[in-house]
Amino acid sequence: MNKLYINIKEASEMLGVTALTLRNWDKSGKLEARRHPISNYRVYLREDIEKLITKMESGEKPTLRPKKEKKAPESDKPKTYQLKVLHLRD
C-alpha cells in the first residue's frame, strides 16, 4: 500500500538526511511539514518528498515556500509621549 503521508523517520531515510535536518528545513521553509491531527507529529506528503528527490537528482535548487510577512516596525515616524505633570504643594 502506498501511503499518502509518511513520518519524519521515513522521509529522512528517503532523502538521506537526518530528522533534525528535516525539522530545520521546515523552519526555514524548504520543505513543508504537516501535523498529525492526534499526535501533532510532523508528517510529510509522499508526493512532496518525491518531488524534492527529483529536484535534488536534477541539480535544481529547491525553492523556498513564501514565509508569512511580519509587520515592519514603524521606525520612520518618531514616537511621541504625553507626560502628566503633578504639582505637589508644601
PDB file of N, CA and C in Angstrom:
ATOM      1  N   MET A   1       0.833  -1.185   0.000  1.00  0.00           N
ATOM      2  CA  MET A   1       0.000   0.000   0.000  1.00  0.00           C
ATOM      3  C   MET A   1       0.877   1.247   0.000  1.00  0.00           C
ATOM      4  N   ASN A   2       0.572   2.175  -0.878  1.00  0.00           N
ATOM      5  CA  ASN A   2       1.334   3.412  -0.997  1.00  0.00           C
ATOM      6  C   ASN A   2       0.667   4.484  -0.141  1.00  0.00           C
ATOM      7  N   LYS A   3       1.286   4.824   0.999  1.00  0.00           N
ATOM      8  CA  LYS A   3       0.700   5.772   1.933  1.00  0.00           C
ATOM      9  C   LYS A   3       0.793   7.199   1.386  1.00  0.00           C
ATOM     10  N   LEU A   4      -0.213   8.004   1.689  1.00  0.00           N
ATOM     11  CA  LEU A   4      -0.234   9.396   1.268  1.00  0.00           C
ATOM     12  C   LEU A   4       0.745  10.222   2.109  1.00  0.00           C
ATOM     13  N   TYR A   5       0.755   9.973   3.419  1.00  0.00           N
ATOM     14  CA  TYR A   5       1.643  10.691   4.337  1.00  0.00           C
ATOM     15  C   TYR A   5       2.687   9.739   4.901  1.00  0.00           C
ATOM     16  N   ILE A   6       3.883  10.282   5.157  1.00  0.00           N
ATOM     17  CA  ILE A   6       4.938   9.497   5.795  1.00  0.00           C
ATOM     18  C   ILE A   6       5.463  10.276   6.991  1.00  0.00           C
ATOM     19  N   ASN A   7       6.003   9.547   7.950  1.00  0.00           N
ATOM     20  CA  ASN A   7       6.522  10.219   9.144  1.00  0.00           C
ATOM     21  C   ASN A   7       7.930  10.752   8.891  1.00  0.00           C
ATOM     22  N   ILE A   8       8.459  11.458   9.861  1.00  0.00           N
ATOM     23  CA  ILE A   8       9.747  12.131   9.693  1.00  0.00           C
ATOM     24  C   ILE A   8      10.895  11.132   9.506  1.00  0.00           C
ATOM     25  N   LYS A   9      10.801   9.979  10.148  1.00  0.00           N
ATOM     26  CA  LYS A   9      11.853   8.966  10.015  1.00  0.00           C
ATOM     27  C   LYS A   9      11.897   8.426   8.590  1.00  0.00           C
ATOM     28  N   GLU A  10      10.724   8.096   8.049  1.00  0.00           N
ATOM     29  CA  GLU A  10      10.677   7.582   6.675  1.00  0.00           C
ATOM     30  C   GLU A  10      11.151   8.632   5.673  1.00  0.00           C
ATOM     31  N   ALA A  11      10.759   9.888   5.891  1.00  0.00           N
ATOM     32  CA  ALA A  11      11.170  10.965   4.992  1.00  0.00           C
ATOM     33  C   ALA A  11      12.677  11.177   5.041  1.00  0.00           C
ATOM     34  N   SER A  12      13.244  11.124   6.249  1.00  0.00           N
ATOM     35  CA  SER A  12      14.694  11.325   6.372  1.00  0.00           C
ATOM     36  C   SER A  12      15.467  10.190   5.705  1.00  0.00           C
ATOM     37  N   GLU A  13      14.947   8.969   5.795  1.00  0.00           N
ATOM     38  CA  GLU A  13      15.609   7.837   5.140  1.00  0.00           C
ATOM     39  C   GLU A  13      15.520   7.958   3.617  1.00  0.00           C
ATOM     40  N   MET A  14      14.381   8.415   3.111  1.00  0.00           N
ATOM     41  CA  MET A  14      14.218   8.580   1.664  1.00  0.00           C
ATOM     42  C   MET A  14      15.167   9.645   1.123  1.00  0.00           C
ATOM     43  N   LEU A  15      15.349  10.736   1.887  1.00  0.00           N
ATOM     44  CA  LEU A  15      16.178  11.841   1.426  1.00  0.00           C
ATOM     45  C   LEU A  15      17.649  11.678   1.782  1.00  0.00           C
ATOM     46  N   GLY A  16      17.944  10.787   2.713  1.00  0.00           N
ATOM     47  CA  GLY A  16      19.331  10.586   3.126  1.00  0.00           C
ATOM     48  C   GLY A  16      19.846  11.687   4.029  1.00  0.00           C
ATOM     49  N   VAL A  17      18.946  12.276   4.810  1.00  0.00           N
ATOM     50  CA  VAL A  17      19.327  13.313   5.767  1.00  0.00           C
ATOM     51  C   VAL A  17      18.771  12.931   7.131  1.00  0.00           C
ATOM     52  N   THR A  18      19.175  13.678   8.149  1.00  0.00           N
ATOM     53  CA  THR A  18      18.685  13.373   9.498  1.00  0.00           C
ATOM     54  C   THR A  18      17.319  14.020   9.725  1.00  0.00           C
ATOM     55  N   ALA A  19      16.644  13.554  10.750  1.00  0.00           N
ATOM     56  CA  ALA A  19      15.355  14.135  11.121  1.00  0.00           C
ATOM     57  C   ALA A  19      15.527  15.593  11.544  1.00  0.00           C
ATOM     58  N   LEU A  20      16.659  15.905  12.173  1.00  0.00           N
ATOM     59  CA  LEU A  20      16.932  17.285  12.571  1.00  0.00           C
ATOM     60  C   LEU A  20      17.034  18.193  11.339  1.00  0.00           C
ATOM     61  N   THR A  21      17.642  17.688  10.282  1.00  0.00           N
ATOM     62  CA  THR A  21      17.728  18.458   9.045  1.00  0.00           C
ATOM     63  C   THR A  21      16.339  18.751   8.500  1.00  0.00           C
ATOM     64  N   LEU A  22      15.448  17.770   8.543  1.00  0.00           N
ATOM     65  CA  LEU A  22      14.081  17.988   8.078  1.00  0.00           C
ATOM     66  C   LEU A  22      13.363  19.029   8.935  1.00  0.00           C
ATOM     67  N   ARG A  23      13.605  18.991  10.233  1.00  0.00           N
ATOM     68  CA  ARG A  23      12.989  19.991  11.103  1.00  0.00           C
ATOM     69  C   ARG A  23      13.492  21.393  10.752  1.00  0.00           C
ATOM     70  N   ASN A  24      14.793  21.500  10.475  1.00  0.00           N
ATOM     71  CA  ASN A  24      15.366  22.793  10.086  1.00  0.00           C
ATOM     72  C   ASN A  24      14.815  23.256   8.742  1.00  0.00           C
ATOM     73  N   TRP A  25      14.654  22.334   7.804  1.00  0.00           N
ATOM     74  CA  TRP A  25      14.071  22.682   6.506  1.00  0.00           C
ATOM     75  C   TRP A  25      12.643  23.172   6.682  1.00  0.00           C
ATOM     76  N   ASP A  26      11.925  22.593   7.615  1.00  0.00           N
ATOM     77  CA  ASP A  26      10.557  23.030   7.880  1.00  0.00           C
ATOM     78  C   ASP A  26      10.563  24.458   8.424  1.00  0.00           C
ATOM     79  N   LYS A  27      11.461  24.745   9.360  1.00  0.00           N
ATOM     80  CA  LYS A  27      11.544  26.084   9.935  1.00  0.00           C
ATOM     81  C   LYS A  27      11.961  27.122   8.906  1.00  0.00           C
ATOM     82  N   SER A  28      12.887  26.759   8.007  1.00  0.00           N
ATOM     83  CA  SER A  28      13.384  27.724   7.025  1.00  0.00           C
ATOM     84  C   SER A  28      12.498  27.817   5.784  1.00  0.00           C
ATOM     85  N   GLY A  29      11.558  26.907   5.635  1.00  0.00           N
ATOM     86  CA  GLY A  29      10.644  26.981   4.509  1.00  0.00           C
ATOM     87  C   GLY A  29      11.034  26.152   3.307  1.00  0.00           C
ATOM     88  N   LYS A  30      12.050  25.313   3.416  1.00  0.00           N
ATOM     89  CA  LYS A  30      12.471  24.497   2.281  1.00  0.00           C
ATOM     90  C   LYS A  30      11.542  23.329   2.016  1.00  0.00           C
ATOM     91  N   LEU A  31      10.927  22.808   3.054  1.00  0.00           N
ATOM     92  CA  LEU A  31      10.045  21.654   2.921  1.00  0.00           C
ATOM     93  C   LEU A  31       8.926  21.797   3.939  1.00  0.00           C
ATOM     94  N   GLU A  32       7.703  21.722   3.446  1.00  0.00           N
ATOM     95  CA  GLU A  32       6.566  21.921   4.343  1.00  0.00           C
ATOM     96  C   GLU A  32       6.187  20.628   5.048  1.00  0.00           C
ATOM     97  N   ALA A  33       6.125  20.707   6.341  1.00  0.00           N
ATOM     98  CA  ALA A  33       5.655  19.573   7.145  1.00  0.00           C
ATOM     99  C   ALA A  33       4.237  19.878   7.587  1.00  0.00           C
ATOM    100  N   ARG A  34       3.448  18.864   7.638  1.00  0.00           N
ATOM    101  CA  ARG A  34       2.098  18.989   8.173  1.00  0.00           C
ATOM    102  C   ARG A  34       2.101  18.322   9.538  1.00  0.00           C
ATOM    103  N   ARG A  35       1.021  18.439  10.280  1.00  0.00           N
ATOM    104  CA  ARG A  35       0.958  17.860  11.614  1.00  0.00           C
ATOM    105  C   ARG A  35      -0.125  16.802  11.676  1.00  0.00           C
ATOM    106  N   HIS A  36       0.211  15.705  12.338  1.00  0.00           N
ATOM    107  CA  HIS A  36      -0.757  14.640  12.557  1.00  0.00           C
ATOM    108  C   HIS A  36      -1.841  15.189  13.486  1.00  0.00           C
ATOM    109  N   PRO A  37      -3.111  14.977  13.166  1.00  0.00           N
ATOM    110  CA  PRO A  37      -4.174  15.590  13.964  1.00  0.00           C
ATOM    111  C   PRO A  37      -4.274  15.094  15.404  1.00  0.00           C
ATOM    112  N   ILE A  38      -3.793  13.909  15.672  1.00  0.00           N
ATOM    113  CA  ILE A  38      -3.901  13.375  17.031  1.00  0.00           C
ATOM    114  C   ILE A  38      -2.605  13.558  17.812  1.00  0.00           C
ATOM    115  N   SER A  39      -1.490  13.152  17.227  1.00  0.00           N
ATOM    116  CA  SER A  39      -0.220  13.197  17.951  1.00  0.00           C
ATOM    117  C   SER A  39       0.536  14.507  17.771  1.00  0.00           C
ATOM    118  N   ASN A  40       0.175  15.294  16.785  1.00  0.00           N
ATOM    119  CA  ASN A  40       0.835  16.555  16.439  1.00  0.00           C
ATOM    120  C   ASN A  40       2.272  16.347  15.944  1.00  0.00           C
ATOM    121  N   TYR A  41       2.637  15.125  15.569  1.00  0.00           N
ATOM    122  CA  TYR A  41       3.953  14.868  14.991  1.00  0.00           C
ATOM    123  C   TYR A  41       3.995  15.412  13.575  1.00  0.00           C
ATOM    124  N   ARG A  42       5.219  15.694  13.104  1.00  0.00           N
ATOM    125  CA  ARG A  42       5.382  16.119  11.719  1.00  0.00           C
ATOM    126  C   ARG A  42       5.120  14.934  10.787  1.00  0.00           C
ATOM    127  N   VAL A  43       4.384  15.194   9.733  1.00  0.00           N
ATOM    128  CA  VAL A  43       4.198  14.222   8.663  1.00  0.00           C
ATOM    129  C   VAL A  43       4.402  14.955   7.348  1.00  0.00           C
ATOM    130  N   TYR A  44       4.806  14.209   6.337  1.00  0.00           N
ATOM    131  CA  TYR A  44       5.125  14.780   5.035  1.00  0.00           C
ATOM    132  C   TYR A  44       4.311  14.082   3.965  1.00  0.00           C
ATOM    133  N   LEU A  45       3.887  14.841   2.970  1.00  0.00           N
ATOM    134  CA  LEU A  45       3.242  14.238   1.816  1.00  0.00           C
ATOM    135  C   LEU A  45       4.298  13.468   1.032  1.00  0.00           C
ATOM    136  N   ARG A  46       4.016  12.226   0.722  1.00  0.00           N
ATOM    137  CA  ARG A  46       4.964  11.426  -0.046  1.00  0.00           C
ATOM    138  C   ARG A  46       5.288  12.122  -1.370  1.00  0.00           C
ATOM    139  N   GLU A  47       4.278  12.749  -1.956  1.00  0.00           N
ATOM    140  CA  GLU A  47       4.454  13.448  -3.224  1.00  0.00           C
ATOM    141  C   GLU A  47       5.481  14.582  -3.099  1.00  0.00           C
ATOM    142  N   ASP A  48       5.453  15.334  -1.982  1.00  0.00           N
ATOM    143  CA  ASP A  48       6.419  16.417  -1.766  1.00  0.00           C
ATOM    144  C   ASP A  48       7.846  15.875  -1.657  1.00  0.00           C
ATOM    145  N   ILE A  49       7.998  14.751  -0.969  1.00  0.00           N
ATOM    146  CA  ILE A  49       9.331  14.147  -0.804  1.00  0.00           C
ATOM    147  C   ILE A  49       9.846  13.668  -2.165  1.00  0.00           C
ATOM    148  N   GLU A  50       8.974  13.027  -2.936  1.00  0.00           N
ATOM    149  CA  GLU A  50       9.387  12.538  -4.246  1.00  0.00           C
ATOM    150  C   GLU A  50       9.746  13.682  -5.187  1.00  0.00           C
ATOM    151  N   LYS A  51       9.017  14.792  -5.121  1.00  0.00           N
ATOM    152  CA  LYS A  51       9.353  15.971  -5.937  1.00  0.00           C
ATOM    153  C   LYS A  51      10.721  16.529  -5.535  1.00  0.00           C
ATOM    154  N   LEU A  52      10.980  16.565  -4.227  1.00  0.00           N
ATOM    155  CA  LEU A  52      12.258  17.075  -3.742  1.00  0.00           C
ATOM    156  C   LEU A  52      13.403  16.170  -4.194  1.00  0.00           C
ATOM    157  N   ILE A  53      13.193  14.866  -4.167  1.00  0.00           N
ATOM    158  CA  ILE A  53      14.219  13.928  -4.631  1.00  0.00           C
ATOM    159  C   ILE A  53      14.503  14.158  -6.116  1.00  0.00           C
ATOM    160  N   THR A  54      13.455  14.360  -6.897  1.00  0.00           N
ATOM    161  CA  THR A  54      13.621  14.622  -8.327  1.00  0.00           C
ATOM    162  C   THR A  54      14.428  15.897  -8.550  1.00  0.00           C
ATOM    163  N   LYS A  55      14.124  16.945  -7.780  1.00  0.00           N
ATOM    164  CA  LYS A  55      14.876  18.196  -7.891  1.00  0.00           C
ATOM    165  C   LYS A  55      16.336  18.003  -7.504  1.00  0.00           C
ATOM    166  N   MET A  56      16.563  17.240  -6.434  1.00  0.00           N
ATOM    167  CA  MET A  56      17.933  17.007  -5.977  1.00  0.00           C
ATOM    168  C   MET A  56      18.726  16.238  -7.032  1.00  0.00           C
ATOM    169  N   GLU A  57      18.086  15.253  -7.660  1.00  0.00           N
ATOM    170  CA  GLU A  57      18.771  14.451  -8.681  1.00  0.00           C
ATOM    171  C   GLU A  57      19.058  15.259  -9.932  1.00  0.00           C
ATOM    172  N   SER A  58      18.214  16.235 -10.254  1.00  0.00           N
ATOM    173  CA  SER A  58      18.422  17.046 -11.456  1.00  0.00           C
ATOM    174  C   SER A  58      19.395  18.191 -11.211  1.00  0.00           C
ATOM    175  N   GLY A  59      19.736  18.438  -9.950  1.00  0.00           N
ATOM    176  CA  GLY A  59      20.662  19.513  -9.621  1.00  0.00           C
ATOM    177  C   GLY A  59      19.974  20.852  -9.438  1.00  0.00           C
ATOM    178  N   GLU A  60      18.652  20.877  -9.528  1.00  0.00           N
ATOM    179  CA  GLU A  60      17.888  22.107  -9.361  1.00  0.00           C
ATOM    180  C   GLU A  60      17.866  22.495  -7.895  1.00  0.00           C
ATOM    181  N   LYS A  61      18.016  23.789  -7.649  1.00  0.00           N
ATOM    182  CA  LYS A  61      17.998  24.277  -6.278  1.00  0.00           C
ATOM    183  C   LYS A  61      16.549  24.336  -5.791  1.00  0.00           C
ATOM    184  N   PRO A  62      16.257  23.777  -4.622  1.00  0.00           N
ATOM    185  CA  PRO A  62      14.886  23.833  -4.107  1.00  0.00           C
ATOM    186  C   PRO A  62      14.461  25.271  -3.841  1.00  0.00           C
ATOM    187  N   THR A  63      13.221  25.574  -4.134  1.00  0.00           N
ATOM    188  CA  THR A  63      12.691  26.906  -3.873  1.00  0.00           C
ATOM    189  C   THR A  63      12.072  26.940  -2.492  1.00  0.00           C
ATOM    190  N   LEU A  64      12.144  28.087  -1.870  1.00  0.00           N
ATOM    191  CA  LEU A  64      11.578  28.257  -0.544  1.00  0.00           C
ATOM    192  C   LEU A  64      10.110  28.601  -0.668  1.00  0.00           C
ATOM    193  N   ARG A  65       9.318  28.087   0.256  1.00  0.00           N
ATOM    194  CA  ARG A  65       7.912  28.476   0.278  1.00  0.00           C
ATOM    195  C   ARG A  65       7.841  29.884   0.851  1.00  0.00           C
ATOM    196  N   PRO A  66       6.863  30.653   0.450  1.00  0.00           N
ATOM    197  CA  PRO A  66       6.782  32.022   0.969  1.00  0.00           C
ATOM    198  C   PRO A  66       6.521  32.032   2.474  1.00  0.00           C
ATOM    199  N   LYS A  67       7.273  32.868   3.164  1.00  0.00           N
ATOM    200  CA  LYS A  67       7.087  32.987   4.609  1.00  0.00           C
ATOM    201  C   LYS A  67       6.019  34.012   4.901  1.00  0.00           C
ATOM    202  N   LYS A  68       5.448  33.898   6.056  1.00  0.00           N
ATOM    203  CA  LYS A  68       4.449  34.867   6.482  1.00  0.00           C
ATOM    204  C   LYS A  68       5.144  36.199   6.718  1.00  0.00           C
ATOM    205  N   GLU A  69       4.520  37.242   6.213  1.00  0.00           N
ATOM    206  CA  GLU A  69       5.119  38.562   6.365  1.00  0.00           C
ATOM    207  C   GLU A  69       4.908  39.079   7.778  1.00  0.00           C
ATOM    208  N   LYS A  70       5.971  39.646   8.308  1.00  0.00           N
ATOM    209  CA  LYS A  70       5.888  40.259   9.627  1.00  0.00           C
ATOM    210  C   LYS A  70       5.677  41.749   9.439  1.00  0.00           C
ATOM    211  N   LYS A  71       4.955  42.331  10.376  1.00  0.00           N
ATOM    212  CA  LYS A  71       4.733  43.761  10.305  1.00  0.00           C
ATOM    213  C   LYS A  71       6.043  44.471  10.623  1.00  0.00           C
ATOM    214  N   ALA A  72       6.377  45.417   9.749  1.00  0.00           N
ATOM    215  CA  ALA A  72       7.596  46.189   9.957  1.00  0.00           C
ATOM    216  C   ALA A  72       7.352  47.208  11.062  1.00  0.00           C
ATOM    217  N   PRO A  73       8.343  47.412  11.922  1.00  0.00           N
ATOM    218  CA  PRO A  73       8.166  48.414  12.973  1.00  0.00           C
ATOM    219  C   PRO A  73       8.079  49.801  12.348  1.00  0.00           C
ATOM    220  N   GLU A  74       7.285  50.630  12.951  1.00  0.00           N
ATOM    221  CA  GLU A  74       7.105  51.982  12.437  1.00  0.00           C
ATOM    222  C   GLU A  74       8.233  52.862  12.947  1.00  0.00           C
ATOM    223  N   SER A  75       9.429  52.658  12.422  1.00  0.00           N
ATOM    224  CA  SER A  75      10.591  53.401  12.877  1.00  0.00           C
ATOM    225  C   SER A  75      10.742  54.725  12.147  1.00  0.00           C
ATOM    226  N   ASP A  76       9.962  54.938  11.082  1.00  0.00           N
ATOM    227  CA  ASP A  76      10.083  56.165  10.310  1.00  0.00           C
ATOM    228  C   ASP A  76       9.537  57.371  11.074  1.00  0.00           C
ATOM    229  N   LYS A  77       8.449  57.183  11.757  1.00  0.00           N
ATOM    230  CA  LYS A  77       7.895  58.326  12.474  1.00  0.00           C
ATOM    231  C   LYS A  77       8.344  58.275  13.935  1.00  0.00           C
ATOM    232  N   PRO A  78       8.678  59.429  14.469  1.00  0.00           N
ATOM    233  CA  PRO A  78       9.160  59.465  15.858  1.00  0.00           C
ATOM    234  C   PRO A  78       8.031  59.173  16.832  1.00  0.00           C
ATOM    235  N   LYS A  79       8.413  58.581  17.939  1.00  0.00           N
ATOM    236  CA  LYS A  79       7.437  58.285  18.982  1.00  0.00           C
ATOM    237  C   LYS A  79       7.181  59.546  19.788  1.00  0.00           C
ATOM    238  N   THR A  80       5.940  59.730  20.123  1.00  0.00           N
ATOM    239  CA  THR A  80       5.589  60.868  20.972  1.00  0.00           C
ATOM    240  C   THR A  80       5.014  60.341  22.272  1.00  0.00           C
ATOM    241  N   TYR A  81       5.313  61.030  23.320  1.00  0.00           N
ATOM    242  CA  TYR A  81       4.850  60.636  24.634  1.00  0.00           C
ATOM    243  C   TYR A  81       4.095  61.810  25.251  1.00  0.00           C
ATOM    244  N   GLN A  82       3.048  61.509  25.948  1.00  0.00           N
ATOM    245  CA  GLN A  82       2.308  62.535  26.655  1.00  0.00           C
ATOM    246  C   GLN A  82       2.661  62.396  28.129  1.00  0.00           C
ATOM    247  N   LEU A  83       3.200  63.468  28.657  1.00  0.00           N
ATOM    248  CA  LEU A  83       3.617  63.462  30.051  1.00  0.00           C
ATOM    249  C   LEU A  83       2.554  64.119  30.908  1.00  0.00           C
ATOM    250  N   LYS A  84       2.366  63.572  32.056  1.00  0.00           N
ATOM    251  CA  LYS A  84       1.431  64.139  33.015  1.00  0.00           C
ATOM    252  C   LYS A  84       2.248  64.676  34.180  1.00  0.00           C
ATOM    253  N   VAL A  85       2.100  65.942  34.440  1.00  0.00           N
ATOM    254  CA  VAL A  85       2.901  66.585  35.486  1.00  0.00           C
ATOM    255  C   VAL A  85       2.002  66.829  36.696  1.00  0.00           C
ATOM    256  N   LEU A  86       2.462  66.419  37.841  1.00  0.00           N
ATOM    257  CA  LEU A  86       1.752  66.653  39.093  1.00  0.00           C
ATOM    258  C   LEU A  86       2.528  67.688  39.907  1.00  0.00           C
ATOM    259  N   HIS A  87       1.848  68.683  40.352  1.00  0.00           N
ATOM    260  CA  HIS A  87       2.474  69.673  41.212  1.00  0.00           C
ATOM    261  C   HIS A  87       2.102  69.399  42.650  1.00  0.00           C
ATOM    262  N   LEU A  88       3.063  69.261  43.462  1.00  0.00           N
ATOM    263  CA  LEU A  88       2.838  68.987  44.885  1.00  0.00           C
ATOM    264  C   LEU A  88       2.959  70.285  45.671  1.00  0.00           C
ATOM    265  N   ARG A  89       2.068  70.512  46.555  1.00  0.00           N
ATOM    266  CA  ARG A  89       2.138  71.708  47.406  1.00  0.00           C
ATOM    267  C   ARG A  89       2.751  71.338  48.738  1.00  0.00           C
ATOM    268  N   ASP A  90       3.410  72.310  49.318  1.00  0.00           N
ATOM    269  CA  ASP A  90       4.026  72.104  50.634  1.00  0.00           C
ATOM    270  C   ASP A  90       3.011  72.091  51.718  1.00  0.00           C
TER     271      ASP A  90
END
